[in-house]
N, C-alpha and C. Protein backbone atom coordinates (compact mmCIF):
# COMPACT_ATOMS: atom_id res chain seq x y z
N UNK A 1 60.45 -140.21 61.26
CA UNK A 1 60.89 -139.25 60.24
C UNK A 1 59.82 -138.18 60.03
N UNK A 2 58.54 -138.60 59.97
CA UNK A 2 57.46 -137.65 59.78
C UNK A 2 57.40 -136.66 60.93
N UNK A 3 57.59 -137.15 62.17
CA UNK A 3 57.56 -136.28 63.34
C UNK A 3 58.67 -135.24 63.27
N UNK A 4 59.87 -135.67 62.85
CA UNK A 4 60.99 -134.75 62.74
C UNK A 4 60.72 -133.69 61.68
N UNK A 5 60.13 -134.11 60.56
CA UNK A 5 59.81 -133.16 59.50
C UNK A 5 58.76 -132.17 59.96
N UNK A 6 57.78 -132.65 60.76
CA UNK A 6 56.74 -131.77 61.29
C UNK A 6 57.34 -130.74 62.23
N UNK A 7 58.24 -131.19 63.13
CA UNK A 7 58.89 -130.27 64.05
C UNK A 7 59.67 -129.20 63.29
N UNK A 8 60.37 -129.60 62.24
CA UNK A 8 61.16 -128.66 61.45
C UNK A 8 60.25 -127.64 60.77
N UNK A 9 59.13 -128.11 60.25
CA UNK A 9 58.20 -127.21 59.59
C UNK A 9 57.61 -126.20 60.56
N UNK A 10 57.33 -126.67 61.79
CA UNK A 10 56.71 -125.78 62.78
C UNK A 10 57.67 -124.71 63.27
N UNK A 11 58.98 -125.00 63.24
CA UNK A 11 59.97 -124.01 63.66
C UNK A 11 59.86 -122.77 62.79
N UNK A 12 59.57 -122.97 61.49
CA UNK A 12 59.52 -121.86 60.54
C UNK A 12 58.11 -121.30 60.38
N UNK A 13 57.15 -121.87 61.07
CA UNK A 13 55.76 -121.41 60.96
C UNK A 13 55.54 -120.25 61.93
N UNK A 14 54.83 -119.22 61.48
CA UNK A 14 54.54 -118.08 62.35
C UNK A 14 53.53 -118.49 63.41
N UNK A 15 53.70 -118.02 64.65
CA UNK A 15 52.74 -118.35 65.71
C UNK A 15 51.38 -117.74 65.40
N UNK A 16 50.36 -118.56 65.34
CA UNK A 16 49.01 -118.06 65.05
C UNK A 16 47.98 -119.07 65.55
N UNK A 17 46.72 -118.62 65.58
CA UNK A 17 45.62 -119.49 65.98
C UNK A 17 45.19 -119.27 67.42
N UNK A 18 44.16 -120.00 67.83
CA UNK A 18 43.64 -119.88 69.19
C UNK A 18 44.53 -120.63 70.18
N UNK A 19 44.79 -119.99 71.32
CA UNK A 19 45.55 -120.62 72.39
C UNK A 19 44.72 -120.58 73.66
N UNK A 20 44.32 -121.75 74.15
CA UNK A 20 43.52 -121.84 75.38
C UNK A 20 44.44 -121.93 76.59
N UNK A 21 44.23 -121.00 77.52
CA UNK A 21 45.08 -120.89 78.69
C UNK A 21 44.22 -120.78 79.94
N UNK A 22 44.56 -121.55 80.97
CA UNK A 22 43.82 -121.50 82.23
C UNK A 22 44.76 -121.10 83.36
N UNK A 23 44.27 -120.25 84.24
CA UNK A 23 45.03 -119.87 85.43
C UNK A 23 44.05 -119.61 86.57
N UNK A 24 44.50 -119.74 87.81
CA UNK A 24 43.60 -119.52 88.95
C UNK A 24 43.26 -118.05 89.12
N UNK A 25 42.22 -117.77 89.91
CA UNK A 25 41.81 -116.37 90.12
C UNK A 25 42.91 -115.55 90.76
N UNK A 26 43.81 -116.19 91.49
CA UNK A 26 44.94 -115.47 92.08
C UNK A 26 45.88 -114.95 91.01
N UNK A 27 45.71 -115.42 89.78
CA UNK A 27 46.56 -114.96 88.68
C UNK A 27 46.09 -113.67 88.04
N UNK A 28 45.05 -113.02 88.59
CA UNK A 28 44.58 -111.76 88.04
C UNK A 28 45.70 -110.73 87.88
N UNK A 29 46.66 -110.64 88.81
CA UNK A 29 47.75 -109.67 88.63
C UNK A 29 48.61 -109.93 87.40
N UNK A 30 48.47 -111.10 86.79
CA UNK A 30 49.27 -111.43 85.61
C UNK A 30 48.59 -111.01 84.30
N UNK A 31 47.40 -110.41 84.39
CA UNK A 31 46.66 -110.07 83.17
C UNK A 31 47.39 -109.05 82.31
N UNK A 32 48.08 -108.10 82.93
CA UNK A 32 48.82 -107.11 82.13
C UNK A 32 49.92 -107.78 81.33
N UNK A 33 50.52 -108.83 81.90
CA UNK A 33 51.54 -109.60 81.18
C UNK A 33 50.92 -110.30 79.97
N UNK A 34 49.73 -110.86 80.14
CA UNK A 34 49.06 -111.53 79.03
C UNK A 34 48.66 -110.54 77.95
N UNK A 35 48.28 -109.33 78.36
CA UNK A 35 47.94 -108.31 77.38
C UNK A 35 49.17 -107.93 76.55
N UNK A 36 50.33 -107.87 77.20
CA UNK A 36 51.56 -107.57 76.47
C UNK A 36 51.88 -108.68 75.47
N UNK A 37 51.63 -109.92 75.87
CA UNK A 37 51.86 -111.03 74.95
C UNK A 37 50.96 -110.90 73.73
N UNK A 38 49.69 -110.58 73.95
CA UNK A 38 48.74 -110.48 72.84
C UNK A 38 49.12 -109.35 71.89
N UNK A 39 49.64 -108.25 72.44
CA UNK A 39 50.07 -107.13 71.61
C UNK A 39 51.27 -107.51 70.75
N UNK A 40 52.12 -108.37 71.30
CA UNK A 40 53.31 -108.78 70.56
C UNK A 40 52.98 -109.83 69.49
N UNK A 41 52.07 -110.74 69.82
CA UNK A 41 51.71 -111.82 68.89
C UNK A 41 50.25 -111.64 68.48
N UNK A 42 50.02 -110.73 67.56
CA UNK A 42 48.66 -110.33 67.21
C UNK A 42 47.88 -111.40 66.46
N UNK A 43 48.56 -112.39 65.92
CA UNK A 43 47.86 -113.45 65.19
C UNK A 43 47.48 -114.62 66.09
N UNK A 44 47.78 -114.50 67.38
CA UNK A 44 47.36 -115.51 68.35
C UNK A 44 46.13 -115.00 69.08
N UNK A 45 45.08 -115.80 69.09
CA UNK A 45 43.85 -115.46 69.81
C UNK A 45 43.90 -116.14 71.18
N UNK A 46 43.98 -115.33 72.23
CA UNK A 46 44.02 -115.87 73.58
C UNK A 46 42.61 -116.17 74.08
N UNK A 47 42.40 -117.39 74.53
CA UNK A 47 41.14 -117.82 75.14
C UNK A 47 41.47 -118.15 76.60
N UNK A 48 41.16 -117.21 77.50
CA UNK A 48 41.63 -117.29 78.89
C UNK A 48 40.52 -117.74 79.82
N UNK A 49 40.80 -118.77 80.60
CA UNK A 49 39.91 -119.24 81.66
C UNK A 49 40.56 -118.85 82.99
N UNK A 50 40.00 -117.85 83.66
CA UNK A 50 40.56 -117.39 84.93
C UNK A 50 39.60 -117.75 86.05
N UNK A 51 39.81 -118.91 86.63
CA UNK A 51 38.92 -119.39 87.69
C UNK A 51 39.64 -120.46 88.49
N UNK A 52 39.04 -120.84 89.59
CA UNK A 52 39.66 -121.83 90.46
C UNK A 52 39.03 -123.21 90.31
N UNK A 53 38.25 -123.39 89.27
CA UNK A 53 37.67 -124.71 89.04
C UNK A 53 38.77 -125.67 88.58
N UNK A 54 38.55 -126.95 88.81
CA UNK A 54 39.52 -127.97 88.43
C UNK A 54 39.29 -128.33 86.97
N UNK A 55 40.19 -127.89 86.08
CA UNK A 55 40.01 -128.16 84.66
C UNK A 55 40.72 -129.45 84.27
N UNK A 56 40.20 -130.10 83.22
CA UNK A 56 40.88 -131.25 82.63
C UNK A 56 41.62 -130.74 81.40
N UNK A 57 42.92 -130.64 81.51
CA UNK A 57 43.72 -130.01 80.45
C UNK A 57 43.53 -130.72 79.12
N UNK A 58 43.54 -132.05 79.14
CA UNK A 58 43.44 -132.82 77.90
C UNK A 58 42.02 -132.76 77.33
N UNK A 59 41.04 -133.15 78.12
CA UNK A 59 39.67 -133.25 77.62
C UNK A 59 39.08 -131.90 77.21
N UNK A 60 39.49 -130.83 77.89
CA UNK A 60 38.95 -129.51 77.58
C UNK A 60 39.78 -128.76 76.55
N UNK A 61 40.84 -129.38 76.08
CA UNK A 61 41.62 -128.81 74.98
C UNK A 61 42.46 -127.61 75.33
N UNK A 62 42.95 -127.54 76.56
CA UNK A 62 43.82 -126.42 76.92
C UNK A 62 45.22 -126.63 76.35
N UNK A 63 45.80 -125.55 75.87
CA UNK A 63 47.18 -125.61 75.37
C UNK A 63 48.18 -125.50 76.51
N UNK A 64 47.89 -124.60 77.46
CA UNK A 64 48.78 -124.36 78.60
C UNK A 64 47.92 -124.00 79.80
N UNK A 65 48.33 -124.43 80.99
CA UNK A 65 47.66 -124.00 82.22
C UNK A 65 48.73 -123.59 83.23
N UNK A 66 48.34 -122.70 84.13
CA UNK A 66 49.20 -122.28 85.24
C UNK A 66 48.61 -122.82 86.52
N UNK A 67 49.39 -123.57 87.29
CA UNK A 67 48.88 -124.20 88.50
C UNK A 67 49.92 -124.19 89.61
N UNK A 68 49.44 -124.37 90.84
CA UNK A 68 50.32 -124.41 92.00
C UNK A 68 50.62 -125.85 92.39
N UNK A 69 51.65 -126.00 93.23
CA UNK A 69 51.95 -127.30 93.80
C UNK A 69 52.71 -128.23 92.87
N UNK A 70 52.62 -129.51 93.18
CA UNK A 70 53.36 -130.52 92.42
C UNK A 70 52.61 -130.92 91.14
N UNK A 71 53.38 -131.37 90.16
CA UNK A 71 52.79 -131.90 88.93
C UNK A 71 52.54 -133.39 89.13
N UNK A 72 51.26 -133.79 89.13
CA UNK A 72 50.91 -135.18 89.43
C UNK A 72 50.33 -135.93 88.24
N UNK A 73 50.02 -135.21 87.16
CA UNK A 73 49.41 -135.84 85.98
C UNK A 73 50.51 -136.22 85.00
N UNK A 74 50.69 -137.52 84.78
CA UNK A 74 51.77 -138.00 83.91
C UNK A 74 51.53 -137.65 82.44
N UNK A 75 50.33 -137.19 82.11
CA UNK A 75 50.02 -136.81 80.73
C UNK A 75 50.52 -135.41 80.39
N UNK A 76 51.04 -134.71 81.40
CA UNK A 76 51.41 -133.31 81.21
C UNK A 76 52.91 -133.09 81.41
N UNK A 77 53.45 -132.19 80.60
CA UNK A 77 54.79 -131.67 80.81
C UNK A 77 54.67 -130.45 81.73
N UNK A 78 55.75 -130.11 82.43
CA UNK A 78 55.66 -128.97 83.33
C UNK A 78 56.97 -128.19 83.36
N UNK A 79 56.83 -126.91 83.69
CA UNK A 79 57.98 -126.03 83.84
C UNK A 79 57.75 -125.15 85.07
N UNK A 80 58.61 -125.24 86.06
CA UNK A 80 58.50 -124.39 87.24
C UNK A 80 58.89 -122.97 86.86
N UNK A 81 58.04 -122.00 87.22
CA UNK A 81 58.31 -120.61 86.87
C UNK A 81 58.58 -119.74 88.09
N UNK A 82 58.45 -120.30 89.28
CA UNK A 82 58.72 -119.52 90.48
C UNK A 82 57.97 -120.06 91.67
N UNK A 83 57.94 -119.25 92.70
CA UNK A 83 57.25 -119.63 93.93
C UNK A 83 56.73 -118.38 94.61
N UNK A 84 55.78 -118.56 95.50
CA UNK A 84 55.22 -117.42 96.23
C UNK A 84 54.86 -117.87 97.64
N UNK A 85 54.56 -116.90 98.49
CA UNK A 85 54.12 -117.20 99.85
C UNK A 85 52.80 -116.47 100.13
N UNK A 86 51.97 -117.10 100.94
CA UNK A 86 50.74 -116.46 101.41
C UNK A 86 51.11 -115.57 102.60
N UNK A 87 50.63 -114.33 102.58
CA UNK A 87 50.92 -113.41 103.67
C UNK A 87 49.63 -112.77 104.17
N UNK A 88 49.63 -112.34 105.41
CA UNK A 88 48.48 -111.66 106.00
C UNK A 88 48.63 -110.16 105.77
N UNK A 89 47.56 -109.55 105.25
CA UNK A 89 47.58 -108.11 104.99
C UNK A 89 46.31 -107.47 105.52
N UNK A 90 46.40 -106.17 105.75
CA UNK A 90 45.24 -105.40 106.19
C UNK A 90 45.44 -103.95 105.80
N UNK A 91 44.34 -103.21 105.73
CA UNK A 91 44.43 -101.78 105.45
C UNK A 91 44.88 -101.05 106.71
N UNK A 92 45.63 -99.96 106.56
CA UNK A 92 46.04 -99.18 107.74
C UNK A 92 44.85 -98.75 108.60
N UNK A 93 43.72 -98.40 107.97
CA UNK A 93 42.54 -97.97 108.73
C UNK A 93 42.05 -99.08 109.65
N UNK A 94 42.06 -100.32 109.16
CA UNK A 94 41.61 -101.43 110.00
C UNK A 94 42.53 -101.59 111.21
N UNK A 95 43.82 -101.54 110.97
CA UNK A 95 44.78 -101.74 112.07
C UNK A 95 44.76 -100.58 113.05
N UNK A 96 44.42 -99.37 112.57
CA UNK A 96 44.34 -98.22 113.48
C UNK A 96 43.15 -98.32 114.41
N UNK A 97 42.13 -99.09 114.00
CA UNK A 97 40.91 -99.21 114.80
C UNK A 97 40.90 -100.44 115.70
N UNK A 98 41.96 -101.24 115.63
CA UNK A 98 42.03 -102.44 116.47
C UNK A 98 43.49 -102.70 116.83
N UNK A 99 43.70 -103.65 117.69
CA UNK A 99 45.07 -104.00 118.06
C UNK A 99 45.71 -104.80 116.92
N UNK A 100 46.97 -104.51 116.66
CA UNK A 100 47.69 -105.23 115.61
C UNK A 100 48.04 -106.63 116.13
N UNK A 101 47.66 -107.69 115.41
CA UNK A 101 48.00 -109.04 115.88
C UNK A 101 49.51 -109.26 115.89
N UNK A 102 49.99 -109.83 116.98
CA UNK A 102 51.42 -110.09 117.11
C UNK A 102 51.77 -111.55 116.95
N UNK A 103 50.78 -112.43 117.11
CA UNK A 103 50.98 -113.87 116.90
C UNK A 103 49.78 -114.41 116.12
N UNK A 104 49.92 -115.55 115.46
CA UNK A 104 48.78 -116.13 114.75
C UNK A 104 47.57 -116.35 115.66
N UNK A 105 47.80 -116.66 116.92
CA UNK A 105 46.70 -116.87 117.86
C UNK A 105 45.85 -115.62 118.02
N UNK A 106 46.48 -114.45 117.88
CA UNK A 106 45.74 -113.18 118.02
C UNK A 106 44.70 -113.00 116.92
N UNK A 107 44.84 -113.71 115.82
CA UNK A 107 43.90 -113.57 114.71
C UNK A 107 42.48 -113.98 115.09
N UNK A 108 42.35 -114.79 116.13
CA UNK A 108 41.02 -115.23 116.57
C UNK A 108 40.16 -114.05 117.04
N UNK A 109 40.80 -112.93 117.36
CA UNK A 109 40.08 -111.75 117.83
C UNK A 109 39.83 -110.75 116.70
N UNK A 110 40.07 -111.16 115.47
CA UNK A 110 39.96 -110.24 114.34
C UNK A 110 38.97 -110.73 113.30
N UNK A 111 38.56 -109.80 112.44
CA UNK A 111 37.72 -110.13 111.29
C UNK A 111 38.61 -110.70 110.19
N UNK A 112 38.37 -111.94 109.81
CA UNK A 112 39.20 -112.60 108.81
C UNK A 112 38.40 -112.80 107.51
N UNK A 113 39.01 -112.41 106.41
CA UNK A 113 38.40 -112.55 105.09
C UNK A 113 38.88 -113.88 104.52
N UNK A 114 37.98 -114.85 104.44
CA UNK A 114 38.37 -116.22 104.12
C UNK A 114 38.09 -116.57 102.65
N UNK A 115 38.87 -117.52 102.16
CA UNK A 115 38.72 -118.00 100.78
C UNK A 115 38.21 -119.44 100.79
N UNK A 116 37.11 -119.68 100.04
CA UNK A 116 36.57 -121.03 99.92
C UNK A 116 37.11 -121.66 98.63
N UNK A 117 37.78 -122.81 98.77
CA UNK A 117 38.34 -123.49 97.61
C UNK A 117 37.23 -124.16 96.80
N UNK A 118 37.17 -123.84 95.52
CA UNK A 118 36.10 -124.36 94.67
C UNK A 118 36.19 -125.87 94.52
N UNK A 119 37.40 -126.39 94.41
CA UNK A 119 37.57 -127.83 94.17
C UNK A 119 37.07 -128.68 95.33
N UNK A 120 37.22 -128.17 96.57
CA UNK A 120 36.87 -128.97 97.75
C UNK A 120 35.70 -128.41 98.54
N UNK A 121 35.40 -127.13 98.34
CA UNK A 121 34.36 -126.50 99.14
C UNK A 121 34.82 -126.10 100.53
N UNK A 122 36.07 -126.37 100.85
CA UNK A 122 36.61 -126.07 102.18
C UNK A 122 37.28 -124.70 102.20
N UNK A 123 37.34 -124.12 103.39
CA UNK A 123 38.03 -122.85 103.55
C UNK A 123 39.54 -123.08 103.53
N UNK A 124 40.26 -122.18 102.87
CA UNK A 124 41.71 -122.26 102.85
C UNK A 124 42.26 -122.04 104.25
N UNK A 125 43.11 -122.95 104.70
CA UNK A 125 43.72 -122.82 106.02
C UNK A 125 44.80 -121.74 105.98
N UNK A 126 44.87 -120.96 107.03
CA UNK A 126 45.94 -119.98 107.16
C UNK A 126 47.10 -120.67 107.89
N UNK A 127 48.10 -121.04 107.14
CA UNK A 127 49.22 -121.81 107.69
C UNK A 127 50.41 -120.89 107.94
N UNK A 128 51.00 -121.06 109.12
CA UNK A 128 52.14 -120.23 109.51
C UNK A 128 53.29 -121.11 109.96
N UNK A 129 54.43 -120.46 110.17
CA UNK A 129 55.61 -121.18 110.65
C UNK A 129 56.34 -120.31 111.66
N UNK A 130 56.71 -120.93 112.78
CA UNK A 130 57.53 -120.27 113.80
C UNK A 130 58.79 -121.09 113.96
N UNK A 131 59.84 -120.72 113.22
CA UNK A 131 61.04 -121.54 113.19
C UNK A 131 60.74 -122.85 112.48
N UNK A 132 60.96 -123.96 113.17
CA UNK A 132 60.69 -125.27 112.59
C UNK A 132 59.27 -125.75 112.87
N UNK A 133 58.52 -125.00 113.65
CA UNK A 133 57.18 -125.43 114.05
C UNK A 133 56.12 -124.87 113.10
N UNK A 134 55.24 -125.74 112.62
CA UNK A 134 54.11 -125.32 111.78
C UNK A 134 52.94 -124.92 112.67
N UNK A 135 52.22 -123.88 112.29
CA UNK A 135 51.08 -123.39 113.06
C UNK A 135 49.85 -123.40 112.17
N UNK A 136 48.80 -124.06 112.63
CA UNK A 136 47.56 -124.18 111.89
C UNK A 136 46.42 -124.01 112.88
N UNK A 137 45.68 -122.89 112.78
CA UNK A 137 44.64 -122.61 113.77
C UNK A 137 43.30 -122.34 113.07
N UNK A 138 42.22 -122.62 113.79
CA UNK A 138 40.88 -122.32 113.30
C UNK A 138 40.62 -120.83 113.49
N UNK A 139 40.10 -120.17 112.45
CA UNK A 139 39.87 -118.74 112.52
C UNK A 139 38.41 -118.40 112.26
N UNK A 140 37.90 -117.33 112.89
CA UNK A 140 36.53 -116.90 112.62
C UNK A 140 36.46 -116.22 111.26
N UNK A 141 35.39 -116.44 110.53
CA UNK A 141 35.23 -115.86 109.20
C UNK A 141 34.26 -114.69 109.25
N UNK A 142 34.75 -113.50 108.93
CA UNK A 142 33.87 -112.34 108.81
C UNK A 142 33.25 -112.29 107.42
N UNK A 143 34.03 -112.74 106.43
CA UNK A 143 33.59 -112.78 105.04
C UNK A 143 34.18 -114.02 104.38
N UNK A 144 33.41 -114.64 103.50
CA UNK A 144 33.90 -115.81 102.74
C UNK A 144 33.64 -115.55 101.26
N UNK A 145 34.65 -115.81 100.43
CA UNK A 145 34.50 -115.67 98.99
C UNK A 145 35.32 -116.75 98.30
N UNK A 146 35.01 -116.99 97.03
CA UNK A 146 35.76 -118.02 96.30
C UNK A 146 36.60 -117.44 95.17
N UNK A 147 36.98 -116.15 95.33
CA UNK A 147 37.79 -115.50 94.31
C UNK A 147 38.73 -114.49 94.95
N UNK A 148 39.79 -114.15 94.25
CA UNK A 148 40.79 -113.24 94.79
C UNK A 148 40.29 -111.80 94.88
N UNK A 149 39.64 -111.31 93.84
CA UNK A 149 39.29 -109.90 93.77
C UNK A 149 38.44 -109.42 94.95
N UNK A 150 37.39 -110.16 95.35
CA UNK A 150 36.62 -109.71 96.51
C UNK A 150 37.47 -109.62 97.79
N UNK A 151 38.40 -110.53 97.96
CA UNK A 151 39.27 -110.46 99.14
C UNK A 151 40.08 -109.17 99.14
N UNK A 152 40.60 -108.81 97.97
CA UNK A 152 41.37 -107.57 97.86
C UNK A 152 40.50 -106.35 98.16
N UNK A 153 39.30 -106.32 97.60
CA UNK A 153 38.41 -105.18 97.81
C UNK A 153 38.06 -105.03 99.29
N UNK A 154 37.68 -106.12 99.93
CA UNK A 154 37.31 -106.07 101.34
C UNK A 154 38.51 -105.65 102.20
N UNK A 155 39.68 -106.17 101.90
CA UNK A 155 40.87 -105.82 102.68
C UNK A 155 41.20 -104.34 102.50
N UNK A 156 41.15 -103.85 101.27
CA UNK A 156 41.45 -102.43 101.02
C UNK A 156 40.47 -101.51 101.71
N UNK A 157 39.21 -101.97 101.84
CA UNK A 157 38.17 -101.16 102.48
C UNK A 157 38.23 -101.23 104.00
N UNK A 158 39.18 -101.98 104.53
CA UNK A 158 39.31 -102.06 105.98
C UNK A 158 38.32 -103.00 106.64
N UNK A 159 37.83 -104.00 105.88
CA UNK A 159 36.82 -104.92 106.41
C UNK A 159 37.42 -106.11 107.13
N UNK A 160 38.74 -106.17 107.22
CA UNK A 160 39.36 -107.28 107.93
C UNK A 160 40.73 -107.62 107.39
N UNK A 161 41.26 -108.74 107.89
CA UNK A 161 42.56 -109.25 107.47
C UNK A 161 42.37 -110.30 106.38
N UNK A 162 43.28 -110.31 105.41
CA UNK A 162 43.21 -111.29 104.32
C UNK A 162 44.53 -112.04 104.22
N UNK A 163 44.44 -113.26 103.72
CA UNK A 163 45.60 -114.16 103.59
C UNK A 163 45.79 -114.39 102.09
N UNK A 164 46.74 -113.68 101.49
CA UNK A 164 46.81 -113.61 100.03
C UNK A 164 48.22 -113.88 99.51
N UNK A 165 48.34 -114.28 98.24
CA UNK A 165 49.67 -114.47 97.65
C UNK A 165 50.45 -113.16 97.65
N UNK A 166 51.74 -113.24 97.97
CA UNK A 166 52.54 -112.02 98.04
C UNK A 166 52.55 -111.24 96.73
N UNK A 167 52.57 -111.95 95.59
CA UNK A 167 52.61 -111.25 94.30
C UNK A 167 51.32 -110.49 94.02
N UNK A 168 50.21 -110.90 94.65
CA UNK A 168 48.92 -110.27 94.40
C UNK A 168 48.77 -108.95 95.16
N UNK A 169 49.59 -108.73 96.16
CA UNK A 169 49.44 -107.53 96.99
C UNK A 169 50.68 -106.65 96.99
N UNK A 170 51.70 -106.98 96.19
CA UNK A 170 52.94 -106.21 96.24
C UNK A 170 52.72 -104.75 95.84
N UNK A 171 51.83 -104.50 94.87
CA UNK A 171 51.56 -103.12 94.47
C UNK A 171 50.83 -102.37 95.57
N UNK A 172 49.86 -103.03 96.23
CA UNK A 172 49.15 -102.39 97.34
C UNK A 172 50.11 -102.06 98.48
N UNK A 173 51.02 -102.96 98.77
CA UNK A 173 51.99 -102.73 99.84
C UNK A 173 52.90 -101.56 99.48
N UNK A 174 53.33 -101.49 98.22
CA UNK A 174 54.18 -100.39 97.78
C UNK A 174 53.45 -99.04 97.88
N UNK A 175 52.14 -99.05 97.60
CA UNK A 175 51.35 -97.81 97.67
C UNK A 175 50.93 -97.47 99.09
N UNK A 176 50.98 -98.45 99.98
CA UNK A 176 50.56 -98.22 101.35
C UNK A 176 49.08 -98.46 101.59
N UNK A 177 48.36 -98.98 100.60
CA UNK A 177 46.94 -99.27 100.79
C UNK A 177 46.74 -100.53 101.63
N UNK A 178 47.74 -101.41 101.64
CA UNK A 178 47.75 -102.58 102.51
C UNK A 178 49.11 -102.69 103.17
N UNK A 179 49.13 -103.26 104.36
CA UNK A 179 50.40 -103.49 105.05
C UNK A 179 50.46 -104.95 105.49
N UNK A 180 51.68 -105.46 105.58
CA UNK A 180 51.88 -106.84 106.01
C UNK A 180 51.74 -106.96 107.52
N UNK A 181 51.19 -108.09 107.94
CA UNK A 181 51.03 -108.41 109.36
C UNK A 181 51.61 -109.80 109.61
N UNK A 182 52.19 -110.00 110.77
CA UNK A 182 52.73 -111.31 111.15
C UNK A 182 53.81 -111.80 110.17
N UNK A 183 54.63 -110.88 109.72
CA UNK A 183 55.61 -111.21 108.70
C UNK A 183 56.60 -112.28 109.16
N UNK A 184 56.90 -112.32 110.44
CA UNK A 184 57.88 -113.29 110.94
C UNK A 184 57.32 -114.71 110.97
N UNK A 185 56.02 -114.84 110.79
CA UNK A 185 55.39 -116.17 110.82
C UNK A 185 55.02 -116.70 109.43
N UNK A 186 55.52 -116.05 108.39
CA UNK A 186 55.17 -116.46 107.02
C UNK A 186 55.53 -117.92 106.79
N UNK A 187 54.62 -118.65 106.15
CA UNK A 187 54.81 -120.08 105.94
C UNK A 187 55.68 -120.42 104.75
N UNK A 188 55.68 -121.69 104.38
CA UNK A 188 56.53 -122.18 103.30
C UNK A 188 56.07 -121.65 101.94
N UNK A 189 57.00 -121.62 101.01
CA UNK A 189 56.69 -121.17 99.65
C UNK A 189 55.92 -122.25 98.89
N UNK A 190 55.08 -121.82 97.98
CA UNK A 190 54.32 -122.71 97.09
C UNK A 190 54.84 -122.56 95.67
N UNK A 191 55.08 -123.68 95.01
CA UNK A 191 55.60 -123.66 93.65
C UNK A 191 54.50 -123.32 92.65
N UNK A 192 54.86 -122.54 91.65
CA UNK A 192 53.95 -122.21 90.56
C UNK A 192 54.57 -122.73 89.28
N UNK A 193 53.75 -123.42 88.47
CA UNK A 193 54.30 -124.04 87.27
C UNK A 193 53.34 -123.96 86.09
N UNK A 194 53.92 -123.97 84.90
CA UNK A 194 53.16 -124.07 83.66
C UNK A 194 53.10 -125.54 83.26
N UNK A 195 51.93 -125.97 82.78
CA UNK A 195 51.76 -127.36 82.33
C UNK A 195 51.11 -127.37 80.95
N UNK A 196 51.47 -128.37 80.16
CA UNK A 196 50.88 -128.52 78.83
C UNK A 196 50.89 -129.99 78.44
N UNK A 197 50.01 -130.39 77.52
CA UNK A 197 49.90 -131.81 77.15
C UNK A 197 51.20 -132.34 76.55
N UNK A 198 51.59 -133.53 76.99
CA UNK A 198 52.83 -134.14 76.50
C UNK A 198 52.60 -134.92 75.21
N UNK A 199 51.33 -135.18 74.88
CA UNK A 199 51.05 -136.02 73.71
C UNK A 199 50.79 -135.22 72.44
N UNK A 200 51.06 -133.93 72.49
CA UNK A 200 50.87 -133.10 71.30
C UNK A 200 52.21 -132.51 70.87
N UNK A 201 52.34 -132.29 69.55
CA UNK A 201 53.48 -131.52 69.08
C UNK A 201 53.31 -130.09 69.60
N UNK A 202 54.38 -129.50 70.09
CA UNK A 202 54.30 -128.15 70.64
C UNK A 202 54.24 -127.15 69.49
N UNK A 203 53.05 -126.64 69.25
CA UNK A 203 52.84 -125.70 68.16
C UNK A 203 53.59 -124.40 68.43
N UNK A 204 53.94 -123.65 67.38
CA UNK A 204 54.65 -122.38 67.57
C UNK A 204 53.93 -121.44 68.54
N UNK A 205 52.59 -121.40 68.49
CA UNK A 205 51.85 -120.51 69.39
C UNK A 205 52.09 -120.88 70.85
N UNK A 206 52.13 -122.18 71.15
CA UNK A 206 52.37 -122.64 72.52
C UNK A 206 53.83 -122.43 72.92
N UNK A 207 54.73 -122.61 71.97
CA UNK A 207 56.15 -122.46 72.27
C UNK A 207 56.49 -121.02 72.66
N UNK A 208 56.01 -120.05 71.86
CA UNK A 208 56.32 -118.66 72.18
C UNK A 208 55.60 -118.22 73.46
N UNK A 209 54.40 -118.78 73.70
CA UNK A 209 53.67 -118.45 74.92
C UNK A 209 54.42 -118.96 76.15
N UNK A 210 54.86 -120.19 76.11
CA UNK A 210 55.61 -120.75 77.23
C UNK A 210 56.88 -119.96 77.50
N UNK A 211 57.58 -119.59 76.45
CA UNK A 211 58.83 -118.85 76.62
C UNK A 211 58.57 -117.46 77.20
N UNK A 212 57.57 -116.76 76.65
CA UNK A 212 57.27 -115.40 77.10
C UNK A 212 56.76 -115.39 78.54
N UNK A 213 55.73 -116.18 78.80
CA UNK A 213 55.13 -116.21 80.14
C UNK A 213 56.10 -116.78 81.16
N UNK A 214 56.82 -117.82 80.78
CA UNK A 214 57.80 -118.40 81.70
C UNK A 214 58.84 -117.40 82.12
N UNK A 215 59.36 -116.62 81.18
CA UNK A 215 60.38 -115.62 81.50
C UNK A 215 59.81 -114.51 82.38
N UNK A 216 58.62 -114.02 82.03
CA UNK A 216 58.02 -112.92 82.80
C UNK A 216 57.69 -113.34 84.23
N UNK A 217 57.15 -114.54 84.40
CA UNK A 217 56.81 -115.01 85.74
C UNK A 217 58.06 -115.29 86.56
N UNK A 218 59.10 -115.80 85.93
CA UNK A 218 60.34 -116.07 86.65
C UNK A 218 60.94 -114.78 87.21
N UNK A 219 60.77 -113.67 86.48
CA UNK A 219 61.26 -112.39 86.96
C UNK A 219 60.41 -111.86 88.11
N UNK A 220 59.11 -112.14 88.05
CA UNK A 220 58.18 -111.61 89.05
C UNK A 220 58.15 -112.42 90.33
N UNK A 221 58.31 -113.73 90.21
CA UNK A 221 58.15 -114.63 91.36
C UNK A 221 59.52 -115.03 91.90
N UNK A 222 59.90 -114.44 92.97
CA UNK A 222 61.22 -114.71 93.53
C UNK A 222 61.14 -115.13 95.00
N UNK A 223 60.04 -115.78 95.38
CA UNK A 223 59.85 -116.16 96.79
C UNK A 223 60.88 -117.20 97.20
């Protein structure tokens, strides 16, 4: 009975207070969406952790996190908001100065901008698909970084090829600062989901955040 009364009271409570939110560095393109949320809900203080470290949602007190892949923690509720694919991109200047790769194997002759995963310390594999066949090859690293932004800067400057989420480069592709390469070999889609603790009452601040961000991401992510 007390829980029901609490839920009813929270429905009529204005969204306010600090909201801790974590998302990976690949989520940098979503910052304008978060700014719009903050402008709409001015009494909510956003505390944003934008990094690829492995956070403990419960112990670190996060209200909501954005993560890829499957939901494996039984302590968390989840909502799928879309999917994306990793694609190979390069600046036109880079491609004009070298041969355009036609197969994944051709990448061995190119400068590749690699991403080091913080959780494992390993380089992200560039995975491709040719029909039903999966392709996974070792690539030379011209540059290694553990964040999205440096990869984008190096790729835009013509320093090599990068393997990035499609949503992170759609504006560059539309402007022509980057172009897609090996489009016919694009691999499987990766699920993106919002997660939040299942053992807490969903406060109004978290409820409106989940609804707003969930709707905006669902519109943006159509892989």
